[in-house]
Amino acid sequence: MYRPQIIDYFTKSGILIASHKSLHRGDCLDNEVIQTLSTIYSKSPAQIMIKWGLQKQFIVVTKTSSMKRMKENRNVFDFSLSTEDMEKIDAVTKEEDVLVRFEHEMKSRTS
């Protein structure tokens, strides 16, 4: 869930941004853009998303009980995503996704 306006606000305010459940929520790992980039870079979809977050200068926290995935998640420092590919990932979150998430957050606060 990429929200550039909120991220810009926090960045300008000197607030660091940490991802929460970076790879758990949504279908980002199954997304066609992520799958395509995974093939191009010869990296897993998770590695593509982790690298995207790091290149955005987010604090990326992943959680897994699988030693294989732990090693995979750490193996993201031998490549960089191009500016064009970063923009493709930025565009994965659509405005309607942000609206649905906002509505969900507001409902959960009133429940």
PDB file of N, CA and C in Angstrom:
ATOM      1  N   MET A   1       0.858  -1.165   0.000  1.00  0.00           N
ATOM      2  CA  MET A   1       0.000   0.000   0.000  1.00  0.00           C
ATOM      3  C   MET A   1       0.905   1.228   0.000  1.00  0.00           C
ATOM      4  N   TYR A   2       1.177   1.734  -1.162  1.00  0.00           N
ATOM      5  CA  TYR A   2       2.067   2.880  -1.334  1.00  0.00           C
ATOM      6  C   TYR A   2       1.232   4.151  -1.366  1.00  0.00           C
ATOM      7  N   ARG A   3       1.479   5.041  -0.421  1.00  0.00           N
ATOM      8  CA  ARG A   3       0.728   6.301  -0.304  1.00  0.00           C
ATOM      9  C   ARG A   3       1.710   7.477  -0.393  1.00  0.00           C
ATOM     10  N   PRO A   4       2.022   7.923  -1.607  1.00  0.00           N
ATOM     11  CA  PRO A   4       3.076   8.933  -1.782  1.00  0.00           C
ATOM     12  C   PRO A   4       2.827  10.250  -1.060  1.00  0.00           C
ATOM     13  N   GLN A   5       1.581  10.706  -0.949  1.00  0.00           N
ATOM     14  CA  GLN A   5       1.324  11.980  -0.274  1.00  0.00           C
ATOM     15  C   GLN A   5       1.682  11.898   1.210  1.00  0.00           C
ATOM     16  N   ILE A   6       1.319  10.800   1.833  1.00  0.00           N
ATOM     17  CA  ILE A   6       1.631  10.615   3.252  1.00  0.00           C
ATOM     18  C   ILE A   6       3.139  10.475   3.431  1.00  0.00           C
ATOM     19  N   ILE A   7       3.761   9.723   2.547  1.00  0.00           N
ATOM     20  CA  ILE A   7       5.209   9.518   2.620  1.00  0.00           C
ATOM     21  C   ILE A   7       5.939  10.847   2.437  1.00  0.00           C
ATOM     22  N   ASP A   8       5.500  11.658   1.486  1.00  0.00           N
ATOM     23  CA  ASP A   8       6.104  12.985   1.290  1.00  0.00           C
ATOM     24  C   ASP A   8       5.988  13.831   2.560  1.00  0.00           C
ATOM     25  N   TYR A   9       4.822  13.808   3.173  1.00  0.00           N
ATOM     26  CA  TYR A   9       4.606  14.577   4.399  1.00  0.00           C
ATOM     27  C   TYR A   9       5.581  14.128   5.488  1.00  0.00           C
ATOM     28  N   PHE A  10       5.655  12.820   5.723  1.00  0.00           N
ATOM     29  CA  PHE A  10       6.552  12.303   6.761  1.00  0.00           C
ATOM     30  C   PHE A  10       8.008  12.615   6.446  1.00  0.00           C
ATOM     31  N   THR A  11       8.397  12.433   5.201  1.00  0.00           N
ATOM     32  CA  THR A  11       9.777  12.688   4.795  1.00  0.00           C
ATOM     33  C   THR A  11      10.150  14.150   5.040  1.00  0.00           C
ATOM     34  N   LYS A  12       9.285  15.061   4.619  1.00  0.00           N
ATOM     35  CA  LYS A  12       9.537  16.497   4.821  1.00  0.00           C
ATOM     36  C   LYS A  12       9.568  16.863   6.305  1.00  0.00           C
ATOM     37  N   SER A  13       8.886  16.071   7.122  1.00  0.00           N
ATOM     38  CA  SER A  13       8.846  16.316   8.558  1.00  0.00           C
ATOM     39  C   SER A  13       9.984  15.613   9.297  1.00  0.00           C
ATOM     40  N   GLY A  14      10.835  14.908   8.548  1.00  0.00           N
ATOM     41  CA  GLY A  14      11.961  14.211   9.158  1.00  0.00           C
ATOM     42  C   GLY A  14      11.579  12.938   9.881  1.00  0.00           C
ATOM     43  N   ILE A  15      10.435  12.372   9.527  1.00  0.00           N
ATOM     44  CA  ILE A  15       9.942  11.152  10.164  1.00  0.00           C
ATOM     45  C   ILE A  15      10.309   9.954   9.294  1.00  0.00           C
ATOM     46  N   LEU A  16      10.986   8.988   9.905  1.00  0.00           N
ATOM     47  CA  LEU A  16      11.340   7.776   9.172  1.00  0.00           C
ATOM     48  C   LEU A  16      10.102   6.910   8.985  1.00  0.00           C
ATOM     49  N   ILE A  17      10.077   6.171   7.910  1.00  0.00           N
ATOM     50  CA  ILE A  17       8.919   5.346   7.575  1.00  0.00           C
ATOM     51  C   ILE A  17       9.317   3.882   7.657  1.00  0.00           C
ATOM     52  N   ALA A  18       8.550   3.138   8.417  1.00  0.00           N
ATOM     53  CA  ALA A  18       8.785   1.699   8.540  1.00  0.00           C
ATOM     54  C   ALA A  18       7.607   0.962   7.930  1.00  0.00           C
ATOM     55  N   SER A  19       7.914  -0.110   7.251  1.00  0.00           N
ATOM     56  CA  SER A  19       6.849  -0.930   6.684  1.00  0.00           C
ATOM     57  C   SER A  19       6.352  -1.895   7.755  1.00  0.00           C
ATOM     58  N   HIS A  20       5.076  -2.151   7.736  1.00  0.00           N
ATOM     59  CA  HIS A  20       4.453  -3.058   8.694  1.00  0.00           C
ATOM     60  C   HIS A  20       3.835  -4.201   7.909  1.00  0.00           C
ATOM     61  N   LYS A  21       4.211  -5.409   8.247  1.00  0.00           N
ATOM     62  CA  LYS A  21       3.744  -6.581   7.507  1.00  0.00           C
ATOM     63  C   LYS A  21       4.052  -6.402   6.020  1.00  0.00           C
ATOM     64  N   SER A  22       5.283  -6.073   5.747  1.00  0.00           N
ATOM     65  CA  SER A  22       5.717  -5.705   4.401  1.00  0.00           C
ATOM     66  C   SER A  22       5.275  -6.662   3.309  1.00  0.00           C
ATOM     67  N   LEU A  23       5.359  -7.935   3.564  1.00  0.00           N
ATOM     68  CA  LEU A  23       5.058  -8.914   2.520  1.00  0.00           C
ATOM     69  C   LEU A  23       3.791  -9.706   2.816  1.00  0.00           C
ATOM     70  N   HIS A  24       3.146  -9.421   3.927  1.00  0.00           N
ATOM     71  CA  HIS A  24       2.002 -10.223   4.357  1.00  0.00           C
ATOM     72  C   HIS A  24       0.691  -9.774   3.739  1.00  0.00           C
ATOM     73  N   ARG A  25       0.462  -8.474   3.678  1.00  0.00           N
ATOM     74  CA  ARG A  25      -0.835  -7.971   3.237  1.00  0.00           C
ATOM     75  C   ARG A  25      -0.922  -7.857   1.725  1.00  0.00           C
ATOM     76  N   GLY A  26      -2.129  -8.030   1.217  1.00  0.00           N
ATOM     77  CA  GLY A  26      -2.373  -7.821  -0.200  1.00  0.00           C
ATOM     78  C   GLY A  26      -1.814  -8.932  -1.064  1.00  0.00           C
ATOM     79  N   ASP A  27      -1.932  -8.714  -2.344  1.00  0.00           N
ATOM     80  CA  ASP A  27      -1.473  -9.705  -3.306  1.00  0.00           C
ATOM     81  C   ASP A  27      -0.261  -9.196  -4.083  1.00  0.00           C
ATOM     82  N   CYS A  28       0.550  -8.367  -3.445  1.00  0.00           N
ATOM     83  CA  CYS A  28       1.646  -7.733  -4.177  1.00  0.00           C
ATOM     84  C   CYS A  28       2.624  -8.751  -4.759  1.00  0.00           C
ATOM     85  N   LEU A  29       2.858  -9.844  -4.065  1.00  0.00           N
ATOM     86  CA  LEU A  29       3.830 -10.811  -4.574  1.00  0.00           C
ATOM     87  C   LEU A  29       3.319 -11.542  -5.813  1.00  0.00           C
ATOM     88  N   ASP A  30       2.006 -11.577  -5.976  1.00  0.00           N
ATOM     89  CA  ASP A  30       1.407 -12.213  -7.145  1.00  0.00           C
ATOM     90  C   ASP A  30       1.120 -11.224  -8.263  1.00  0.00           C
ATOM     91  N   ASN A  31       1.384  -9.948  -8.018  1.00  0.00           N
ATOM     92  CA  ASN A  31       1.109  -8.907  -9.003  1.00  0.00           C
ATOM     93  C   ASN A  31       1.944  -9.124 -10.263  1.00  0.00           C
ATOM     94  N   GLU A  32       1.340  -8.879 -11.411  1.00  0.00           N
ATOM     95  CA  GLU A  32       2.015  -9.096 -12.700  1.00  0.00           C
ATOM     96  C   GLU A  32       3.291  -8.271 -12.836  1.00  0.00           C
ATOM     97  N   VAL A  33       3.260  -7.029 -12.390  1.00  0.00           N
ATOM     98  CA  VAL A  33       4.456  -6.163 -12.468  1.00  0.00           C
ATOM     99  C   VAL A  33       5.581  -6.758 -11.631  1.00  0.00           C
ATOM    100  N   ILE A  34       5.260  -7.171 -10.414  1.00  0.00           N
ATOM    101  CA  ILE A  34       6.265  -7.733  -9.508  1.00  0.00           C
ATOM    102  C   ILE A  34       6.799  -9.046 -10.073  1.00  0.00           C
ATOM    103  N   GLN A  35       5.912  -9.865 -10.607  1.00  0.00           N
ATOM    104  CA  GLN A  35       6.328 -11.138 -11.206  1.00  0.00           C
ATOM    105  C   GLN A  35       7.277 -10.906 -12.389  1.00  0.00           C
ATOM    106  N   THR A  36       6.944  -9.942 -13.233  1.00  0.00           N
ATOM    107  CA  THR A  36       7.784  -9.630 -14.394  1.00  0.00           C
ATOM    108  C   THR A  36       9.158  -9.149 -13.952  1.00  0.00           C
ATOM    109  N   LEU A  37       9.192  -8.237 -12.979  1.00  0.00           N
ATOM    110  CA  LEU A  37      10.476  -7.735 -12.488  1.00  0.00           C
ATOM    111  C   LEU A  37      11.280  -8.838 -11.809  1.00  0.00           C
ATOM    112  N   SER A  38      10.588  -9.735 -11.149  1.00  0.00           N
ATOM    113  CA  SER A  38      11.240 -10.881 -10.527  1.00  0.00           C
ATOM    114  C   SER A  38      12.004 -11.692 -11.571  1.00  0.00           C
ATOM    115  N   THR A  39      11.383 -11.905 -12.696  1.00  0.00           N
ATOM    116  CA  THR A  39      12.026 -12.646 -13.788  1.00  0.00           C
ATOM    117  C   THR A  39      13.197 -11.858 -14.370  1.00  0.00           C
ATOM    118  N   ILE A  40      12.988 -10.584 -14.610  1.00  0.00           N
ATOM    119  CA  ILE A  40      14.027  -9.742 -15.215  1.00  0.00           C
ATOM    120  C   ILE A  40      15.270  -9.688 -14.325  1.00  0.00           C
ATOM    121  N   TYR A  41      15.077  -9.510 -13.029  1.00  0.00           N
ATOM    122  CA  TYR A  41      16.207  -9.356 -12.104  1.00  0.00           C
ATOM    123  C   TYR A  41      16.700 -10.690 -11.537  1.00  0.00           C
ATOM    124  N   SER A  42      16.033 -11.772 -11.866  1.00  0.00           N
ATOM    125  CA  SER A  42      16.367 -13.100 -11.321  1.00  0.00           C
ATOM    126  C   SER A  42      16.351 -13.082  -9.792  1.00  0.00           C
ATOM    127  N   LYS A  43      15.319 -12.471  -9.259  1.00  0.00           N
ATOM    128  CA  LYS A  43      15.115 -12.396  -7.812  1.00  0.00           C
ATOM    129  C   LYS A  43      13.675 -12.797  -7.519  1.00  0.00           C
ATOM    130  N   SER A  44      13.420 -13.181  -6.285  1.00  0.00           N
ATOM    131  CA  SER A  44      12.045 -13.549  -5.922  1.00  0.00           C
ATOM    132  C   SER A  44      11.182 -12.290  -5.843  1.00  0.00           C
ATOM    133  N   PRO A  45       9.871 -12.453  -5.951  1.00  0.00           N
ATOM    134  CA  PRO A  45       8.988 -11.298  -5.776  1.00  0.00           C
ATOM    135  C   PRO A  45       9.214 -10.601  -4.427  1.00  0.00           C
ATOM    136  N   ALA A  46       9.455 -11.385  -3.381  1.00  0.00           N
ATOM    137  CA  ALA A  46       9.719 -10.791  -2.063  1.00  0.00           C
ATOM    138  C   ALA A  46      10.974  -9.931  -2.097  1.00  0.00           C
ATOM    139  N   GLN A  47      12.013 -10.416  -2.748  1.00  0.00           N
ATOM    140  CA  GLN A  47      13.250  -9.639  -2.848  1.00  0.00           C
ATOM    141  C   GLN A  47      13.038  -8.344  -3.630  1.00  0.00           C
ATOM    142  N   ILE A  48      12.213  -8.399  -4.656  1.00  0.00           N
ATOM    143  CA  ILE A  48      11.906  -7.186  -5.422  1.00  0.00           C
ATOM    144  C   ILE A  48      11.220  -6.169  -4.521  1.00  0.00           C
ATOM    145  N   MET A  49      10.244  -6.609  -3.735  1.00  0.00           N
ATOM    146  CA  MET A  49       9.513  -5.695  -2.860  1.00  0.00           C
ATOM    147  C   MET A  49      10.402  -5.161  -1.734  1.00  0.00           C
ATOM    148  N   ILE A  50      11.246  -5.998  -1.180  1.00  0.00           N
ATOM    149  CA  ILE A  50      12.157  -5.542  -0.132  1.00  0.00           C
ATOM    150  C   ILE A  50      13.110  -4.496  -0.694  1.00  0.00           C
ATOM    151  N   LYS A  51      13.662  -4.763  -1.865  1.00  0.00           N
ATOM    152  CA  LYS A  51      14.588  -3.810  -2.481  1.00  0.00           C
ATOM    153  C   LYS A  51      13.889  -2.493  -2.795  1.00  0.00           C
ATOM    154  N   TRP A  52      12.671  -2.558  -3.290  1.00  0.00           N
ATOM    155  CA  TRP A  52      11.897  -1.345  -3.567  1.00  0.00           C
ATOM    156  C   TRP A  52      11.781  -0.503  -2.287  1.00  0.00           C
ATOM    157  N   GLY A  53      11.415  -1.147  -1.181  1.00  0.00           N
ATOM    158  CA  GLY A  53      11.284  -0.437   0.084  1.00  0.00           C
ATOM    159  C   GLY A  53      12.597   0.175   0.548  1.00  0.00           C
ATOM    160  N   LEU A  54      13.671  -0.572   0.411  1.00  0.00           N
ATOM    161  CA  LEU A  54      14.980  -0.053   0.813  1.00  0.00           C
ATOM    162  C   LEU A  54      15.401   1.123  -0.069  1.00  0.00           C
ATOM    163  N   GLN A  55      15.149   1.016  -1.363  1.00  0.00           N
ATOM    164  CA  GLN A  55      15.503   2.119  -2.259  1.00  0.00           C
ATOM    165  C   GLN A  55      14.644   3.356  -1.999  1.00  0.00           C
ATOM    166  N   LYS A  56      13.465   3.159  -1.442  1.00  0.00           N
ATOM    167  CA  LYS A  56      12.604   4.280  -1.036  1.00  0.00           C
ATOM    168  C   LYS A  56      13.059   4.859   0.305  1.00  0.00           C
ATOM    169  N   GLN A  57      14.068   4.224   0.895  1.00  0.00           N
ATOM    170  CA  GLN A  57      14.620   4.596   2.198  1.00  0.00           C
ATOM    171  C   GLN A  57      13.645   4.345   3.339  1.00  0.00           C
ATOM    172  N   PHE A  58      12.829   3.303   3.183  1.00  0.00           N
ATOM    173  CA  PHE A  58      11.948   2.863   4.248  1.00  0.00           C
ATOM    174  C   PHE A  58      12.723   1.920   5.158  1.00  0.00           C
ATOM    175  N   ILE A  59      12.255   1.798   6.377  1.00  0.00           N
ATOM    176  CA  ILE A  59      12.755   0.756   7.267  1.00  0.00           C
ATOM    177  C   ILE A  59      11.920  -0.472   6.948  1.00  0.00           C
ATOM    178  N   VAL A  60      12.542  -1.479   6.395  1.00  0.00           N
ATOM    179  CA  VAL A  60      11.807  -2.668   5.954  1.00  0.00           C
ATOM    180  C   VAL A  60      12.037  -3.795   6.955  1.00  0.00           C
ATOM    181  N   VAL A  61      10.956  -4.239   7.559  1.00  0.00           N
ATOM    182  CA  VAL A  61      11.018  -5.309   8.538  1.00  0.00           C
ATOM    183  C   VAL A  61      10.225  -6.486   7.983  1.00  0.00           C
ATOM    184  N   THR A  62      10.884  -7.609   7.872  1.00  0.00           N
ATOM    185  CA  THR A  62      10.185  -8.812   7.411  1.00  0.00           C
ATOM    186  C   THR A  62      10.162  -9.820   8.553  1.00  0.00           C
ATOM    187  N   LYS A  63       9.189 -10.694   8.492  1.00  0.00           N
ATOM    188  CA  LYS A  63       9.058 -11.716   9.526  1.00  0.00           C
ATOM    189  C   LYS A  63       8.803 -13.054   8.854  1.00  0.00           C
ATOM    190  N   THR A  64       9.582 -14.032   9.243  1.00  0.00           N
ATOM    191  CA  THR A  64       9.368 -15.387   8.750  1.00  0.00           C
ATOM    192  C   THR A  64       9.986 -16.369   9.731  1.00  0.00           C
ATOM    193  N   SER A  65       9.447 -17.552   9.760  1.00  0.00           N
ATOM    194  CA  SER A  65      10.047 -18.607  10.575  1.00  0.00           C
ATOM    195  C   SER A  65      10.864 -19.549   9.704  1.00  0.00           C
ATOM    196  N   SER A  66      10.892 -19.290   8.422  1.00  0.00           N
ATOM    197  CA  SER A  66      11.614 -20.133   7.472  1.00  0.00           C
ATOM    198  C   SER A  66      13.047 -19.626   7.293  1.00  0.00           C
ATOM    199  N   MET A  67      14.018 -20.467   7.614  1.00  0.00           N
ATOM    200  CA  MET A  67      15.422 -20.092   7.445  1.00  0.00           C
ATOM    201  C   MET A  67      15.721 -19.775   5.977  1.00  0.00           C
ATOM    202  N   LYS A  68      15.105 -20.515   5.066  1.00  0.00           N
ATOM    203  CA  LYS A  68      15.310 -20.261   3.640  1.00  0.00           C
ATOM    204  C   LYS A  68      14.854 -18.846   3.267  1.00  0.00           C
ATOM    205  N   ARG A  69      13.683 -18.459   3.740  1.00  0.00           N
ATOM    206  CA  ARG A  69      13.177 -17.108   3.438  1.00  0.00           C
ATOM    207  C   ARG A  69      13.983 -16.029   4.149  1.00  0.00           C
ATOM    208  N   MET A  70      14.473 -16.322   5.351  1.00  0.00           N
ATOM    209  CA  MET A  70      15.329 -15.350   6.052  1.00  0.00           C
ATOM    210  C   MET A  70      16.564 -15.030   5.212  1.00  0.00           C
ATOM    211  N   LYS A  71      17.197 -16.070   4.710  1.00  0.00           N
ATOM    212  CA  LYS A  71      18.388 -15.879   3.876  1.00  0.00           C
ATOM    213  C   LYS A  71      18.025 -15.144   2.590  1.00  0.00           C
ATOM    214  N   GLU A  72      16.922 -15.535   1.986  1.00  0.00           N
ATOM    215  CA  GLU A  72      16.474 -14.885   0.754  1.00  0.00           C
ATOM    216  C   GLU A  72      16.201 -13.407   0.992  1.00  0.00           C
ATOM    217  N   ASN A  73      15.528 -13.087   2.092  1.00  0.00           N
ATOM    218  CA  ASN A  73      15.181 -11.704   2.405  1.00  0.00           C
ATOM    219  C   ASN A  73      16.411 -10.826   2.604  1.00  0.00           C
ATOM    220  N   ARG A  74      17.492 -11.416   3.090  1.00  0.00           N
ATOM    221  CA  ARG A  74      18.732 -10.650   3.293  1.00  0.00           C
ATOM    222  C   ARG A  74      19.536 -10.479   2.013  1.00  0.00           C
ATOM    223  N   ASN A  75      19.257 -11.275   1.022  1.00  0.00           N
ATOM    224  CA  ASN A  75      20.048 -11.273  -0.210  1.00  0.00           C
ATOM    225  C   ASN A  75      19.481 -10.263  -1.214  1.00  0.00           C
ATOM    226  N   VAL A  76      19.518  -8.992  -0.852  1.00  0.00           N
ATOM    227  CA  VAL A  76      18.960  -7.947  -1.710  1.00  0.00           C
ATOM    228  C   VAL A  76      19.950  -6.808  -1.974  1.00  0.00           C
ATOM    229  N   PHE A  77      21.204  -7.019  -1.604  1.00  0.00           N
ATOM    230  CA  PHE A  77      22.172  -5.933  -1.732  1.00  0.00           C
ATOM    231  C   PHE A  77      23.091  -6.082  -2.938  1.00  0.00           C
ATOM    232  N   ASP A  78      22.778  -7.024  -3.811  1.00  0.00           N
ATOM    233  CA  ASP A  78      23.613  -7.239  -4.993  1.00  0.00           C
ATOM    234  C   ASP A  78      22.950  -6.750  -6.283  1.00  0.00           C
ATOM    235  N   PHE A  79      21.876  -5.962  -6.135  1.00  0.00           N
ATOM    236  CA  PHE A  79      21.208  -5.413  -7.317  1.00  0.00           C
ATOM    237  C   PHE A  79      20.477  -4.135  -6.934  1.00  0.00           C
ATOM    238  N   SER A  80      20.153  -3.339  -7.928  1.00  0.00           N
ATOM    239  CA  SER A  80      19.350  -2.127  -7.743  1.00  0.00           C
ATOM    240  C   SER A  80      18.254  -2.114  -8.789  1.00  0.00           C
ATOM    241  N   LEU A  81      17.103  -1.633  -8.401  1.00  0.00           N
ATOM    242  CA  LEU A  81      16.002  -1.475  -9.343  1.00  0.00           C
ATOM    243  C   LEU A  81      16.194  -0.155 -10.090  1.00  0.00           C
ATOM    244  N   SER A  82      15.929  -0.168 -11.373  1.00  0.00           N
ATOM    245  CA  SER A  82      16.045   1.064 -12.158  1.00  0.00           C
ATOM    246  C   SER A  82      14.944   2.043 -11.753  1.00  0.00           C
ATOM    247  N   THR A  83      15.147   3.303 -12.079  1.00  0.00           N
ATOM    248  CA  THR A  83      14.136   4.328 -11.793  1.00  0.00           C
ATOM    249  C   THR A  83      12.813   3.958 -12.450  1.00  0.00           C
ATOM    250  N   GLU A  84      12.884   3.491 -13.680  1.00  0.00           N
ATOM    251  CA  GLU A  84      11.670   3.096 -14.404  1.00  0.00           C
ATOM    252  C   GLU A  84      10.950   1.956 -13.683  1.00  0.00           C
ATOM    253  N   ASP A  85      11.695   0.974 -13.207  1.00  0.00           N
ATOM    254  CA  ASP A  85      11.080  -0.157 -12.512  1.00  0.00           C
ATOM    255  C   ASP A  85      10.532   0.261 -11.147  1.00  0.00           C
ATOM    256  N   MET A  86      11.198   1.189 -10.475  1.00  0.00           N
ATOM    257  CA  MET A  86      10.675   1.723  -9.215  1.00  0.00           C
ATOM    258  C   MET A  86       9.319   2.386  -9.467  1.00  0.00           C
ATOM    259  N   GLU A  87       9.217   3.144 -10.545  1.00  0.00           N
ATOM    260  CA  GLU A  87       7.955   3.811 -10.889  1.00  0.00           C
ATOM    261  C   GLU A  87       6.860   2.804 -11.218  1.00  0.00           C
ATOM    262  N   LYS A  88       7.237   1.707 -11.853  1.00  0.00           N
ATOM    263  CA  LYS A  88       6.242   0.660 -12.138  1.00  0.00           C
ATOM    264  C   LYS A  88       5.677   0.087 -10.843  1.00  0.00           C
ATOM    265  N   ILE A  89       6.553  -0.131  -9.871  1.00  0.00           N
ATOM    266  CA  ILE A  89       6.088  -0.658  -8.588  1.00  0.00           C
ATOM    267  C   ILE A  89       5.253   0.395  -7.857  1.00  0.00           C
ATOM    268  N   ASP A  90       5.678   1.658  -7.932  1.00  0.00           N
ATOM    269  CA  ASP A  90       4.889   2.739  -7.327  1.00  0.00           C
ATOM    270  C   ASP A  90       3.450   2.703  -7.836  1.00  0.00           C
ATOM    271  N   ALA A  91       3.290   2.405  -9.103  1.00  0.00           N
ATOM    272  CA  ALA A  91       1.967   2.452  -9.743  1.00  0.00           C
ATOM    273  C   ALA A  91       1.107   1.226  -9.443  1.00  0.00           C
ATOM    274  N   VAL A  92       1.657   0.242  -8.752  1.00  0.00           N
ATOM    275  CA  VAL A  92       0.871  -0.954  -8.425  1.00  0.00           C
ATOM    276  C   VAL A  92      -0.305  -0.592  -7.528  1.00  0.00           C
ATOM    277  N   THR A  93      -0.093   0.297  -6.564  1.00  0.00           N
ATOM    278  CA  THR A  93      -1.185   0.750  -5.697  1.00  0.00           C
ATOM    279  C   THR A  93      -2.005   1.778  -6.451  1.00  0.00           C
ATOM    280  N   LYS A  94      -3.249   1.479  -6.637  1.00  0.00           N
ATOM    281  CA  LYS A  94      -4.179   2.385  -7.334  1.00  0.00           C
ATOM    282  C   LYS A  94      -4.896   3.264  -6.306  1.00  0.00           C
ATOM    283  N   GLU A  95      -5.401   4.383  -6.754  1.00  0.00           N
ATOM    284  CA  GLU A  95      -6.107   5.312  -5.864  1.00  0.00           C
ATOM    285  C   GLU A  95      -7.275   4.624  -5.162  1.00  0.00           C
ATOM    286  N   GLU A  96      -7.981   3.749  -5.879  1.00  0.00           N
ATOM    287  CA  GLU A  96      -9.104   3.050  -5.252  1.00  0.00           C
ATOM    288  C   GLU A  96      -8.627   2.100  -4.146  1.00  0.00           C
ATOM    289  N   ASP A  97      -7.406   1.553  -4.256  1.00  0.00           N
ATOM    290  CA  ASP A  97      -6.846   0.715  -3.188  1.00  0.00           C
ATOM    291  C   ASP A  97      -6.666   1.523  -1.911  1.00  0.00           C
ATOM    292  N   VAL A  98      -6.159   2.741  -2.074  1.00  0.00           N
ATOM    293  CA  VAL A  98      -5.944   3.623  -0.927  1.00  0.00           C
ATOM    294  C   VAL A  98      -7.279   3.980  -0.286  1.00  0.00           C
ATOM    295  N   LEU A  99      -8.286   4.264  -1.098  1.00  0.00           N
ATOM    296  CA  LEU A  99      -9.612   4.611  -0.583  1.00  0.00           C
ATOM    297  C   LEU A  99     -10.223   3.443   0.182  1.00  0.00           C
ATOM    298  N   VAL A 100     -10.141   2.249  -0.378  1.00  0.00           N
ATOM    299  CA  VAL A 100     -10.690   1.062   0.298  1.00  0.00           C
ATOM    300  C   VAL A 100      -9.982   0.844   1.631  1.00  0.00           C
ATOM    301  N   ARG A 101      -8.656   0.998   1.639  1.00  0.00           N
ATOM    302  CA  ARG A 101      -7.890   0.817   2.875  1.00  0.00           C
ATOM    303  C   ARG A 101      -8.286   1.873   3.916  1.00  0.00           C
ATOM    304  N   PHE A 102      -8.432   3.113   3.467  1.00  0.00           N
ATOM    305  CA  PHE A 102      -8.838   4.192   4.365  1.00  0.00           C
ATOM    306  C   PHE A 102     -10.199   3.879   4.988  1.00  0.00           C
ATOM    307  N   GLU A 103     -11.143   3.460   4.160  1.00  0.00           N
ATOM    308  CA  GLU A 103     -12.479   3.118   4.662  1.00  0.00           C
ATOM    309  C   GLU A 103     -12.412   1.973   5.674  1.00  0.00           C
ATOM    310  N   HIS A 104     -11.575   0.987   5.390  1.00  0.00           N
ATOM    311  CA  HIS A 104     -11.399  -0.133   6.302  1.00  0.00           C
ATOM    312  C   HIS A 104     -10.835   0.349   7.650  1.00  0.00           C
ATOM    313  N   GLU A 105      -9.834   1.234   7.585  1.00  0.00           N
ATOM    314  CA  GLU A 105      -9.234   1.759   8.824  1.00  0.00           C
ATOM    315  C   GLU A 105     -10.254   2.564   9.619  1.00  0.00           C
ATOM    316  N   MET A 106     -11.066   3.349   8.933  1.00  0.00           N
ATOM    317  CA  MET A 106     -12.064   4.153   9.641  1.00  0.00           C
ATOM    318  C   MET A 106     -13.129   3.269  10.287  1.00  0.00           C
ATOM    319  N   LYS A 107     -13.542   2.211   9.609  1.00  0.00           N
ATOM    320  CA  LYS A 107     -14.531   1.283  10.182  1.00  0.00           C
ATOM    321  C   LYS A 107     -13.971   0.608  11.420  1.00  0.00           C
ATOM    322  N   SER A 108     -12.715   0.172  11.356  1.00  0.00           N
ATOM    323  CA  SER A 108     -12.137  -0.539  12.482  1.00  0.00           C
ATOM    324  C   SER A 108     -11.955   0.370  13.701  1.00  0.00           C
ATOM    325  N   ARG A 109     -11.837   1.672  13.481  1.00  0.00           N
ATOM    326  CA  ARG A 109     -11.708   2.621  14.605  1.00  0.00           C
ATOM    327  C   ARG A 109     -13.053   2.861  15.290  1.00  0.00           C
ATOM    328  N   THR A 110     -14.137   2.705  14.551  1.00  0.00           N
ATOM    329  CA  THR A 110     -15.455   2.951  15.122  1.00  0.00           C
ATOM    330  C   THR A 110     -16.111   1.671  15.637  1.00  0.00           C
ATOM    331  N   SER A 111     -15.519   0.548  15.367  1.00  0.00           N
ATOM    332  CA  SER A 111     -16.117  -0.728  15.815  1.00  0.00           C
ATOM    333  C   SER A 111     -15.754  -1.063  17.233  1.00  0.00           C
TER     334      SER A 111
END
